Amino acid sequence: MNSNPADSLEGVNLGNGWTVKEKIVRKPTSTGGCFSVGYKVVDSAGKEAFLKALDFSKALHDPDPVQALKTVTTLFTFERDLLAKCRDRKLNRILTPLADGNINIPGFGDWGLVYYLIFEMAKGDIRNVQGDYRQIDLLWCLSSLHHVAVGLNQLHKSSVAHQDIKPSNILDMGSDGNKISDLGRSSDQSQQCPWDNVSIAGDQGYAPVDLYYKDTGVEGFEKRILTDLYLLGSLFFFHFSGISAVHALRMKLQGVPLAGKSFKEDLPYLQHAFAETLTDLENEVKNLAGKLSESIMLMVYQLCQPNPAIRGDPKWRGSVVSPYDLQRYISGLSLLIGKAKVGLK
């Protein structure tokens, strides 16, 4: 018998039309999911789906298990309720649950209750699709980026900032394209959220460098939305070069004497390094996109600006339209997709 109820769901009938089939073994390269266990589940019609079970075991080994359990439960409840909000608003580019609930696993006493979410089964994340960067397809890249931009726009219009957009959180849903997953690090402007007092809520390996400074001139929820813009721009780097925007920036900053205290003092170094990353990226984009590369690079330039105060579309700065409104990028990607379909490069 497993020592952890979340590891003991194989073969269990959940009582809501779903039966747990088998545990999904995490790959060594997988990120996230520290407090969850994944399973394949099947309904009465034979449809397979993915179950995410909340795992209390690490919390129980914490020096303060009561507080750790409270934290884990709070995070799960927040994500579940936020996903329900997205489902109710029919945000079709966000992966929302087919079902959720809890079940008591016998033999574990008071600790036998397992909370879970059931999602449509994905083919994988976009890292699986782009395993060979020598065979990147331009139309797929543009369509994938368009789907993410639409999903982020849906979240922003619902007063939600994702804050953890990265390749492993963009899922390939087959004929339904790409969807954004894992809202566990999000902030919802309409309510108090677990990450409201955390500067870098998402994966630090993708976060923009401005989040390490307190004097950027941008604060509050606006800063979280602008983080999403940067992370969207970072996906352009991933799609066309295989690395993140901040990784490309850090490589250019090796040996640069950043003070790390004053954003204003460090910004010229950050902007110079950013310009160098754009030169490298443009060479990669031109190989694939030809004449379309100019429009693509303009989007990256605006989305990944090291200075969050000028990130986004400058055309709307000072107007009633928000400079970080993503509709301009959605429309731009739609236009590029149309040109790619007819072979205009």
Foldseek 3Di string as FASTA:
>chain_A
DDPWLLQVQDQPDPPPQKHWHAWDDDDPPDDDLPQWTKTWIAGPVGAIWIKTKGTLVVLCPDPPSVVSSVVSVQLVVVVLVVLVVCVVVPLPQAWHFPDWDWDADPPNPPNRIITMTITGDFPFFVCVVPVDLVDAAPLLLLQQLLSLLSSQLSQVVQQKFQLADDRRQWTQRDPSGTHGYDSSQMDHPVDDDPCQPPLRSYDPQAFAPCSLEDPLVDDDSLVRLLRSLQSSLQSLCCSQPNGGLVVQLVVLCVPPDDPSYDCVVCLVVSQVSSVVSLVVSLVSCCVHQPPCSVLSSVSSCQSNRSRSVRHAQPVCVPHPDDRSNSVVVSVSSVVSSVCVVVPND
